[in-house]
Amino acid sequence: MFGGGGFDPQKMQQMMDQFGIDIDELDAEEVIIRTADEELVFTDAEVQRMDAQGQETYQVIGTPETREAGEASAVESGDGDSGGNGGIPDADVEIVANRAGVSEDDAREALEEEDGNLAAAVERLE
């Protein structure tokens, strides 16, 4: 369909326009995919939204951190175990510490200063 001569972005754009396909980059701070067993948390993901004749499709590119299902939703509702330190879940502290390459104490402090926002805490520490 595209031939063996390589990728031609202009031709690709013309084909997408012809078929009514529109792609937008989203400035996502965090993407969470919840399954019955786990949550995949993308804090530094590239997200694209493709609209093809009214049908929207999202593409998430990145490496997720994994946590057990229910950790974030329990904390959001105020019913969950926050790890005992300032309402910040231990799983979130671990994610920020690993992503930013800092100690868990520094990660917890950044999360508290950013009201639990993982992306903002990582950005603060980098």
C-alpha atoms as a PDB file:
ATOM      1  CA  MET A   1       0.000   0.000   0.000  1.00  0.00           C
ATOM      2  CA  PHE A   2       2.808   2.433   0.863  1.00  0.00           C
ATOM      3  CA  GLY A   3       5.439   0.927  -1.423  1.00  0.00           C
ATOM      4  CA  GLY A   4       8.959   0.002  -0.463  1.00  0.00           C
ATOM      5  CA  GLY A   5      10.485   3.415  -1.092  1.00  0.00           C
ATOM      6  CA  GLY A   6      10.265   4.700   2.465  1.00  0.00           C
ATOM      7  CA  PHE A   7       7.950   6.891   4.493  1.00  0.00           C
ATOM      8  CA  ASP A   8       6.648  10.090   2.874  1.00  0.00           C
ATOM      9  CA  PRO A   9       4.990  12.246   5.564  1.00  0.00           C
ATOM     10  CA  GLN A  10       3.329  14.550   3.024  1.00  0.00           C
ATOM     11  CA  LYS A  11       1.747  11.635   1.175  1.00  0.00           C
ATOM     12  CA  MET A  12       0.656  10.109   4.500  1.00  0.00           C
ATOM     13  CA  GLN A  13      -1.019  13.404   5.499  1.00  0.00           C
ATOM     14  CA  GLN A  14      -2.808  13.582   2.147  1.00  0.00           C
ATOM     15  CA  MET A  15      -4.132  10.029   2.618  1.00  0.00           C
ATOM     16  CA  MET A  16      -5.284  10.812   6.166  1.00  0.00           C
ATOM     17  CA  ASP A  17      -7.101  13.936   4.940  1.00  0.00           C
ATOM     18  CA  GLN A  18      -8.695  11.933   2.126  1.00  0.00           C
ATOM     19  CA  PHE A  19     -10.060   9.359   4.597  1.00  0.00           C
ATOM     20  CA  GLY A  20     -11.195  11.976   7.143  1.00  0.00           C
ATOM     21  CA  ILE A  21      -8.594  11.088   9.780  1.00  0.00           C
ATOM     22  CA  ASP A  22      -7.426  13.790  12.202  1.00  0.00           C
ATOM     23  CA  ILE A  23      -4.674  13.245  14.803  1.00  0.00           C
ATOM     24  CA  ASP A  24      -4.052  15.538  17.788  1.00  0.00           C
ATOM     25  CA  GLU A  25      -1.327  15.381  20.437  1.00  0.00           C
ATOM     26  CA  LEU A  26      -2.744  15.688  23.959  1.00  0.00           C
ATOM     27  CA  ASP A  27      -0.802  17.310  26.792  1.00  0.00           C
ATOM     28  CA  ALA A  28      -1.625  14.553  29.297  1.00  0.00           C
ATOM     29  CA  GLU A  29      -0.141  14.749  32.780  1.00  0.00           C
ATOM     30  CA  GLU A  30      -1.140  11.229  33.776  1.00  0.00           C
ATOM     31  CA  VAL A  31      -2.913   8.248  32.216  1.00  0.00           C
ATOM     32  CA  ILE A  32      -4.323   5.435  34.358  1.00  0.00           C
ATOM     33  CA  ILE A  33      -5.564   2.151  32.920  1.00  0.00           C
ATOM     34  CA  ARG A  34      -7.516   0.164  35.513  1.00  0.00           C
ATOM     35  CA  THR A  35      -8.048  -3.569  35.170  1.00  0.00           C
ATOM     36  CA  ALA A  36      -9.561  -5.996  37.667  1.00  0.00           C
ATOM     37  CA  ASP A  37      -6.098  -6.854  39.002  1.00  0.00           C
ATOM     38  CA  GLU A  38      -3.912  -3.794  38.591  1.00  0.00           C
ATOM     39  CA  GLU A  39      -3.557  -0.191  37.564  1.00  0.00           C
ATOM     40  CA  LEU A  40      -1.076   0.927  34.927  1.00  0.00           C
ATOM     41  CA  VAL A  41      -0.019   4.497  35.682  1.00  0.00           C
ATOM     42  CA  PHE A  42       1.694   6.499  32.948  1.00  0.00           C
ATOM     43  CA  THR A  43       3.134   9.718  34.402  1.00  0.00           C
ATOM     44  CA  ASP A  44       5.244  10.703  31.419  1.00  0.00           C
ATOM     45  CA  ALA A  45       3.309   9.448  28.391  1.00  0.00           C
ATOM     46  CA  GLU A  46       2.762  10.705  24.883  1.00  0.00           C
ATOM     47  CA  VAL A  47      -0.944  10.602  24.066  1.00  0.00           C
ATOM     48  CA  GLN A  48      -2.486  10.954  20.629  1.00  0.00           C
ATOM     49  CA  ARG A  49      -6.184  11.196  19.808  1.00  0.00           C
ATOM     50  CA  MET A  50      -7.222  10.029  16.362  1.00  0.00           C
ATOM     51  CA  ASP A  51     -10.644  10.950  15.015  1.00  0.00           C
ATOM     52  CA  ALA A  52     -11.587   8.817  12.028  1.00  0.00           C
ATOM     53  CA  GLN A  53     -15.035   9.780  10.774  1.00  0.00           C
ATOM     54  CA  GLY A  54     -16.435  10.372  14.250  1.00  0.00           C
ATOM     55  CA  GLN A  55     -14.770   7.382  15.946  1.00  0.00           C
ATOM     56  CA  GLU A  56     -12.134   8.479  18.473  1.00  0.00           C
ATOM     57  CA  THR A  57      -9.130   6.286  19.261  1.00  0.00           C
ATOM     58  CA  TYR A  58      -6.428   7.069  21.809  1.00  0.00           C
ATOM     59  CA  GLN A  59      -2.816   5.904  21.659  1.00  0.00           C
ATOM     60  CA  VAL A  60      -0.647   5.975  24.789  1.00  0.00           C
ATOM     61  CA  ILE A  61       3.115   5.670  24.381  1.00  0.00           C
ATOM     62  CA  GLY A  62       5.273   5.256  27.473  1.00  0.00           C
ATOM     63  CA  THR A  63       6.325   2.961  30.266  1.00  0.00           C
ATOM     64  CA  PRO A  64       3.788   2.513  33.065  1.00  0.00           C
ATOM     65  CA  GLU A  65       4.326   1.913  36.735  1.00  0.00           C
ATOM     66  CA  THR A  66       2.136  -0.891  38.068  1.00  0.00           C
ATOM     67  CA  ARG A  67       0.173  -0.807  41.303  1.00  0.00           C
ATOM     68  CA  GLU A  68      -2.517  -3.032  42.769  1.00  0.00           C
ATOM     69  CA  ALA A  69      -6.094  -2.316  41.733  1.00  0.00           C
ATOM     70  CA  GLY A  70      -8.026  -0.067  44.076  1.00  0.00           C
ATOM     71  CA  GLU A  71      -5.100   1.824  45.608  1.00  0.00           C
ATOM     72  CA  ALA A  72      -5.791   5.146  43.886  1.00  0.00           C
ATOM     73  CA  SER A  73      -9.574   4.856  43.869  1.00  0.00           C
ATOM     74  CA  ALA A  74      -9.663   4.063  47.596  1.00  0.00           C
ATOM     75  CA  VAL A  75      -7.474   7.061  48.372  1.00  0.00           C
ATOM     76  CA  GLU A  76      -9.497   9.364  46.090  1.00  0.00           C
ATOM     77  CA  SER A  77     -12.651   8.427  47.982  1.00  0.00           C
ATOM     78  CA  GLY A  78     -10.933   8.929  51.332  1.00  0.00           C
ATOM     79  CA  ASP A  79     -11.471   5.317  52.413  1.00  0.00           C
ATOM     80  CA  GLY A  80      -8.112   3.788  51.552  1.00  0.00           C
ATOM     81  CA  ASP A  81      -4.839   3.262  53.346  1.00  0.00           C
ATOM     82  CA  SER A  82      -2.703   6.266  52.647  1.00  0.00           C
ATOM     83  CA  GLY A  83       0.456   4.713  53.980  1.00  0.00           C
ATOM     84  CA  GLY A  84       0.044   6.639  57.209  1.00  0.00           C
ATOM     85  CA  ASN A  85       1.974   9.726  56.161  1.00  0.00           C
ATOM     86  CA  GLY A  86       0.048  12.832  55.141  1.00  0.00           C
ATOM     87  CA  GLY A  87      -2.565  11.076  53.008  1.00  0.00           C
ATOM     88  CA  ILE A  88      -0.063  10.168  50.262  1.00  0.00           C
ATOM     89  CA  PRO A  89      -0.221   6.504  49.177  1.00  0.00           C
ATOM     90  CA  ASP A  90       3.048   4.602  49.524  1.00  0.00           C
ATOM     91  CA  ALA A  91       2.647   3.382  45.926  1.00  0.00           C
ATOM     92  CA  ASP A  92       2.601   7.004  44.693  1.00  0.00           C
ATOM     93  CA  VAL A  93       5.701   7.810  46.762  1.00  0.00           C
ATOM     94  CA  GLU A  94       7.475   4.817  45.225  1.00  0.00           C
ATOM     95  CA  ILE A  95       6.479   5.837  41.691  1.00  0.00           C
ATOM     96  CA  VAL A  96       7.754   9.399  42.141  1.00  0.00           C
ATOM     97  CA  ALA A  97      10.969   8.256  43.885  1.00  0.00           C
ATOM     98  CA  ASN A  98      11.754   5.799  41.087  1.00  0.00           C
ATOM     99  CA  ARG A  99      10.855   8.192  38.279  1.00  0.00           C
ATOM    100  CA  ALA A 100      12.811  11.149  39.712  1.00  0.00           C
ATOM    101  CA  GLY A 101      15.673   9.093  41.171  1.00  0.00           C
ATOM    102  CA  VAL A 102      15.290  10.496  44.693  1.00  0.00           C
ATOM    103  CA  SER A 103      14.666   9.116  48.175  1.00  0.00           C
ATOM    104  CA  GLU A 104      11.144   8.208  49.281  1.00  0.00           C
ATOM    105  CA  ASP A 105      11.249  11.006  51.860  1.00  0.00           C
ATOM    106  CA  ASP A 106      12.006  13.580  49.151  1.00  0.00           C
ATOM    107  CA  ALA A 107       9.319  12.069  46.912  1.00  0.00           C
ATOM    108  CA  ARG A 108       6.710  12.195  49.714  1.00  0.00           C
ATOM    109  CA  GLU A 109       7.589  15.821  50.462  1.00  0.00           C
ATOM    110  CA  ALA A 110       7.211  16.786  46.783  1.00  0.00           C
ATOM    111  CA  LEU A 111       3.879  14.940  46.579  1.00  0.00           C
ATOM    112  CA  GLU A 112       2.606  16.745  49.678  1.00  0.00           C
ATOM    113  CA  GLU A 113       3.658  20.101  48.213  1.00  0.00           C
ATOM    114  CA  GLU A 114       1.872  19.233  44.946  1.00  0.00           C
ATOM    115  CA  ASP A 115      -1.309  17.921  46.657  1.00  0.00           C
ATOM    116  CA  GLY A 116      -0.636  14.347  45.520  1.00  0.00           C
ATOM    117  CA  ASN A 117      -0.152  15.188  41.821  1.00  0.00           C
ATOM    118  CA  LEU A 118       2.403  12.618  40.600  1.00  0.00           C
ATOM    119  CA  ALA A 119       3.401  14.436  37.415  1.00  0.00           C
ATOM    120  CA  ALA A 120       3.891  17.760  39.207  1.00  0.00           C
ATOM    121  CA  ALA A 121       5.916  16.102  41.962  1.00  0.00           C
ATOM    122  CA  VAL A 122       8.217  14.409  39.438  1.00  0.00           C
ATOM    123  CA  GLU A 123       8.610  17.697  37.554  1.00  0.00           C
ATOM    124  CA  ARG A 124       9.446  19.504  40.806  1.00  0.00           C
ATOM    125  CA  LEU A 125      12.205  16.986  41.575  1.00  0.00           C
ATOM    126  CA  GLU A 126      13.799  16.856  38.109  1.00  0.00           C
END
